[in-house]
Amino acid sequence: MTVEHEIMTLPEVAKHLGVSERTIYDWAQKGKIPAAKLGNAWRFKRSEIDHWNENKRAK
């Protein structure tokens, strides 16, 4: 996987997880999902999102 596909935008994460963009934004703001803010935009590492999602489902 290339770096460009490893880094995801907020809309890409919302689609990947099947939730609304607003939900991802709220989770990112509250630190509930692994994210980094670059300027005004949130960015997400696909591997961290997948790991987070697997752990969330296991609980």
C-alpha atoms as a PDB file:
ATOM      1  CA  MET A   1       0.000   0.000   0.000  1.00  0.00           C
ATOM      2  CA  THR A   2       1.353   3.394  -0.926  1.00  0.00           C
ATOM      3  CA  VAL A   3       1.537   6.311   1.463  1.00  0.00           C
ATOM      4  CA  GLU A   4      -1.130   8.176  -0.494  1.00  0.00           C
ATOM      5  CA  HIS A   5      -3.584   5.346   0.202  1.00  0.00           C
ATOM      6  CA  GLU A   6      -2.482   5.015   3.823  1.00  0.00           C
ATOM      7  CA  ILE A   7      -3.567   8.567   4.693  1.00  0.00           C
ATOM      8  CA  MET A   8      -7.300   9.094   4.581  1.00  0.00           C
ATOM      9  CA  THR A   9      -9.509  12.181   4.656  1.00  0.00           C
ATOM     10  CA  LEU A  10     -12.536  12.570   6.889  1.00  0.00           C
ATOM     11  CA  PRO A  11     -15.017  11.689   4.084  1.00  0.00           C
ATOM     12  CA  GLU A  12     -12.961   8.616   3.181  1.00  0.00           C
ATOM     13  CA  VAL A  13     -12.980   7.401   6.798  1.00  0.00           C
ATOM     14  CA  ALA A  14     -16.722   7.989   7.071  1.00  0.00           C
ATOM     15  CA  LYS A  15     -17.314   5.887   3.953  1.00  0.00           C
ATOM     16  CA  HIS A  16     -14.798   3.246   5.086  1.00  0.00           C
ATOM     17  CA  LEU A  17     -16.559   2.840   8.451  1.00  0.00           C
ATOM     18  CA  GLY A  18     -20.109   3.359   7.183  1.00  0.00           C
ATOM     19  CA  VAL A  19     -20.931   6.308   9.425  1.00  0.00           C
ATOM     20  CA  SER A  20     -21.624   9.981   8.768  1.00  0.00           C
ATOM     21  CA  GLU A  21     -18.891  12.551   8.261  1.00  0.00           C
ATOM     22  CA  ARG A  22     -20.283  14.450  11.255  1.00  0.00           C
ATOM     23  CA  THR A  23     -19.792  11.377  13.461  1.00  0.00           C
ATOM     24  CA  ILE A  24     -16.154  11.043  12.381  1.00  0.00           C
ATOM     25  CA  TYR A  25     -15.607  14.767  12.964  1.00  0.00           C
ATOM     26  CA  ASP A  26     -17.112  14.544  16.464  1.00  0.00           C
ATOM     27  CA  TRP A  27     -15.042  11.460  17.326  1.00  0.00           C
ATOM     28  CA  ALA A  28     -11.863  13.170  16.076  1.00  0.00           C
ATOM     29  CA  GLN A  29     -12.594  16.340  18.072  1.00  0.00           C
ATOM     30  CA  LYS A  30     -13.166  14.280  21.231  1.00  0.00           C
ATOM     31  CA  GLY A  31     -10.132  12.029  20.685  1.00  0.00           C
ATOM     32  CA  LYS A  32     -12.265   8.909  20.330  1.00  0.00           C
ATOM     33  CA  ILE A  33     -10.664   7.911  17.018  1.00  0.00           C
ATOM     34  CA  PRO A  34      -6.976   8.046  16.039  1.00  0.00           C
ATOM     35  CA  ALA A  35      -6.532  11.244  14.003  1.00  0.00           C
ATOM     36  CA  ALA A  36      -4.178  14.129  13.355  1.00  0.00           C
ATOM     37  CA  LYS A  37      -5.122  17.661  12.441  1.00  0.00           C
ATOM     38  CA  LEU A  38      -3.127  19.255   9.628  1.00  0.00           C
ATOM     39  CA  GLY A  39      -4.115  22.900   9.403  1.00  0.00           C
ATOM     40  CA  ASN A  40      -7.904  22.835   9.324  1.00  0.00           C
ATOM     41  CA  ALA A  41      -8.195  19.276   8.010  1.00  0.00           C
ATOM     42  CA  TRP A  42      -8.319  15.981   9.855  1.00  0.00           C
ATOM     43  CA  ARG A  43      -6.193  13.126   8.520  1.00  0.00           C
ATOM     44  CA  PHE A  44      -6.334   9.451   9.458  1.00  0.00           C
ATOM     45  CA  LYS A  45      -3.938   6.537   8.953  1.00  0.00           C
ATOM     46  CA  ARG A  46      -5.812   3.618   7.434  1.00  0.00           C
ATOM     47  CA  SER A  47      -3.853   1.053   9.478  1.00  0.00           C
ATOM     48  CA  GLU A  48      -4.667   2.882  12.737  1.00  0.00           C
ATOM     49  CA  ILE A  49      -8.347   3.202  11.802  1.00  0.00           C
ATOM     50  CA  ASP A  50      -8.585  -0.500  10.933  1.00  0.00           C
ATOM     51  CA  HIS A  51      -6.838  -1.475  14.189  1.00  0.00           C
ATOM     52  CA  TRP A  52      -9.083   0.884  16.203  1.00  0.00           C
ATOM     53  CA  ASN A  53     -12.188  -0.491  14.484  1.00  0.00           C
ATOM     54  CA  GLU A  54     -11.216  -4.126  15.151  1.00  0.00           C
ATOM     55  CA  ASN A  55     -10.596  -3.374  18.834  1.00  0.00           C
ATOM     56  CA  LYS A  56     -13.877  -1.478  19.099  1.00  0.00           C
ATOM     57  CA  ARG A  57     -15.811  -4.413  17.637  1.00  0.00           C
ATOM     58  CA  ALA A  58     -14.089  -6.911  19.928  1.00  0.00           C
ATOM     59  CA  LYS A  59     -15.442  -5.160  23.034  1.00  0.00           C
END
